[in-house]
Amino acid sequence: MPLVYLVLAVAAVQGAAFAVEGAARQAARVAVLQRDVGEMDAAVTRAVTVALADYGVDADQAVIDVDCADPGCLEPGSRVSVAVRAEVALPFAPAVLDIDRIAIVPVEARATHTVSRLAELG
């Protein structure tokens, strides 16, 4: 029985890890295609919401961090980095003694993309 629980717990954490990795990667891809920061923030939020929903992770609980290292965030050649953090609850954690509150594993992923040098032509 403990082996079955271990498999379920690892599967839950691995699924959440795949979710945040895919969400960060897709959000960074979408971010570098936008023309201004307002559009970028909205597009990143949409991309993360869709990607996390595909894996059954609650997007409302996720934290999204968009980082533009360069002063001209969306200028050609600049880099945009997106980090997505979420928490996954281990399955069947009982509420007794608040075990369900400590049986949470944080997962995080970061992806970075470069704005195309040809972006200003498009």
Protein backbone atom coordinates (compact mmCIF):
# COMPACT_ATOMS: atom_id res chain seq x y z
CA MET A 1 0.00 0.00 0.00
CA PRO A 2 2.77 2.54 0.76
CA LEU A 3 4.21 1.90 -2.69
CA VAL A 4 0.87 2.81 -4.31
CA TYR A 5 0.76 6.05 -2.33
CA LEU A 6 4.32 6.84 -3.33
CA VAL A 7 3.44 6.38 -6.99
CA LEU A 8 0.38 8.63 -6.63
CA ALA A 9 2.35 11.33 -4.81
CA VAL A 10 5.19 11.30 -7.33
CA ALA A 11 2.69 11.41 -10.20
CA ALA A 12 0.94 14.45 -8.70
CA VAL A 13 4.21 16.33 -8.23
CA GLN A 14 5.52 15.34 -11.67
CA GLY A 15 2.27 16.43 -13.32
CA ALA A 16 2.49 19.84 -11.63
CA ALA A 17 6.15 20.14 -12.65
CA PHE A 18 5.22 19.45 -16.27
CA ALA A 19 2.41 21.99 -15.99
CA VAL A 20 4.54 24.86 -14.72
CA GLU A 21 7.36 24.06 -17.15
CA GLY A 22 4.99 24.08 -20.12
CA ALA A 23 3.25 27.20 -18.86
CA ALA A 24 6.52 29.11 -18.42
CA ARG A 25 7.82 28.05 -21.83
CA GLN A 26 4.61 28.98 -23.66
CA ALA A 27 4.24 32.25 -21.76
CA ALA A 28 7.78 33.31 -22.68
CA ARG A 29 7.11 32.48 -26.33
CA VAL A 30 3.92 34.53 -26.29
CA ALA A 31 5.52 37.42 -24.38
CA VAL A 32 8.17 38.15 -27.01
CA LEU A 33 5.52 38.41 -29.74
CA GLN A 34 3.66 41.31 -28.13
CA ARG A 35 4.08 44.97 -29.03
CA ASP A 36 3.72 46.57 -25.59
CA VAL A 37 3.99 45.58 -21.93
CA GLY A 38 0.21 45.76 -21.31
CA GLU A 39 -0.48 43.30 -24.11
CA MET A 40 2.40 41.16 -22.91
CA ASP A 41 1.05 40.84 -19.37
CA ALA A 42 -2.42 39.87 -20.59
CA ALA A 43 -1.03 37.38 -23.10
CA VAL A 44 1.25 35.79 -20.51
CA THR A 45 -1.63 35.38 -18.06
CA ARG A 46 -3.80 33.75 -20.75
CA ALA A 47 -1.01 31.40 -21.82
CA VAL A 48 -0.28 30.30 -18.25
CA THR A 49 -3.98 29.80 -17.47
CA VAL A 50 -4.49 27.58 -20.51
CA ALA A 51 -1.30 25.58 -19.98
CA LEU A 52 -2.00 24.92 -16.31
CA ALA A 53 -5.62 23.99 -17.04
CA ASP A 54 -4.39 21.34 -19.49
CA TYR A 55 -2.73 19.60 -16.55
CA GLY A 56 -5.49 20.22 -14.04
CA VAL A 57 -3.51 22.75 -11.98
CA ASP A 58 -5.49 25.66 -10.55
CA ALA A 59 -4.19 28.77 -12.31
CA ASP A 60 -5.63 31.02 -9.58
CA GLN A 61 -3.08 29.58 -7.16
CA ALA A 62 -0.13 30.08 -9.52
CA VAL A 63 2.31 32.98 -9.26
CA ILE A 64 3.60 34.46 -12.52
CA ASP A 65 6.75 36.57 -12.61
CA VAL A 66 7.75 38.32 -15.85
CA ASP A 67 11.26 39.75 -15.91
CA CYS A 68 12.70 41.96 -18.61
CA ALA A 69 16.44 42.34 -18.09
CA ASP A 70 16.80 45.04 -20.71
CA PRO A 71 15.41 48.58 -20.32
CA GLY A 72 13.52 48.31 -23.63
CA CYS A 73 11.66 45.18 -22.64
CA LEU A 74 10.18 44.31 -26.02
CA GLU A 75 12.85 45.85 -28.23
CA PRO A 76 14.45 43.52 -30.79
CA GLY A 77 17.21 41.46 -29.18
CA SER A 78 15.97 41.93 -25.61
CA ARG A 79 15.28 38.91 -23.42
CA VAL A 80 12.06 38.18 -21.56
CA SER A 81 12.02 35.64 -18.76
CA VAL A 82 8.85 34.15 -17.28
CA ALA A 83 8.72 32.17 -14.04
CA VAL A 84 5.67 30.21 -12.95
CA ARG A 85 5.27 28.88 -9.42
CA ALA A 86 2.52 26.64 -8.12
CA GLU A 87 1.87 24.33 -5.21
CA VAL A 88 0.59 20.80 -5.45
CA ALA A 89 -1.12 19.08 -2.55
CA LEU A 90 -0.12 15.50 -1.94
CA PRO A 91 -3.07 13.15 -2.49
CA PHE A 92 -5.15 11.91 0.42
CA ALA A 93 -3.47 14.14 3.02
CA PRO A 94 -5.81 14.18 6.02
CA ALA A 95 -7.01 17.39 7.62
CA VAL A 96 -6.17 15.96 11.05
CA LEU A 97 -3.55 18.10 12.79
CA ASP A 98 -3.40 20.32 9.69
CA ILE A 99 -1.39 17.72 7.79
CA ASP A 100 -3.14 18.80 4.58
CA ARG A 101 -1.55 22.25 4.98
CA ILE A 102 1.99 20.94 5.26
CA ALA A 103 1.60 18.21 2.62
CA ILE A 104 2.17 20.71 -0.16
CA VAL A 105 5.06 20.65 -2.60
CA PRO A 106 6.09 23.85 -4.41
CA VAL A 107 7.07 23.55 -8.08
CA GLU A 108 8.63 26.27 -10.22
CA ALA A 109 9.87 26.68 -13.76
CA ARG A 110 11.49 29.54 -15.67
CA ALA A 111 11.82 30.10 -19.40
CA THR A 112 13.60 32.85 -21.31
CA HIS A 113 13.13 33.92 -24.92
CA THR A 114 14.67 36.64 -27.02
CA VAL A 115 12.61 39.16 -28.99
CA SER A 116 13.33 38.63 -32.67
CA ARG A 117 15.61 41.11 -34.39
CA LEU A 118 12.95 41.28 -37.09
CA ALA A 119 10.13 42.07 -34.65
CA GLU A 120 9.96 45.74 -35.60
CA LEU A 121 9.31 44.77 -39.22
CA GLY A 122 6.23 42.72 -38.36
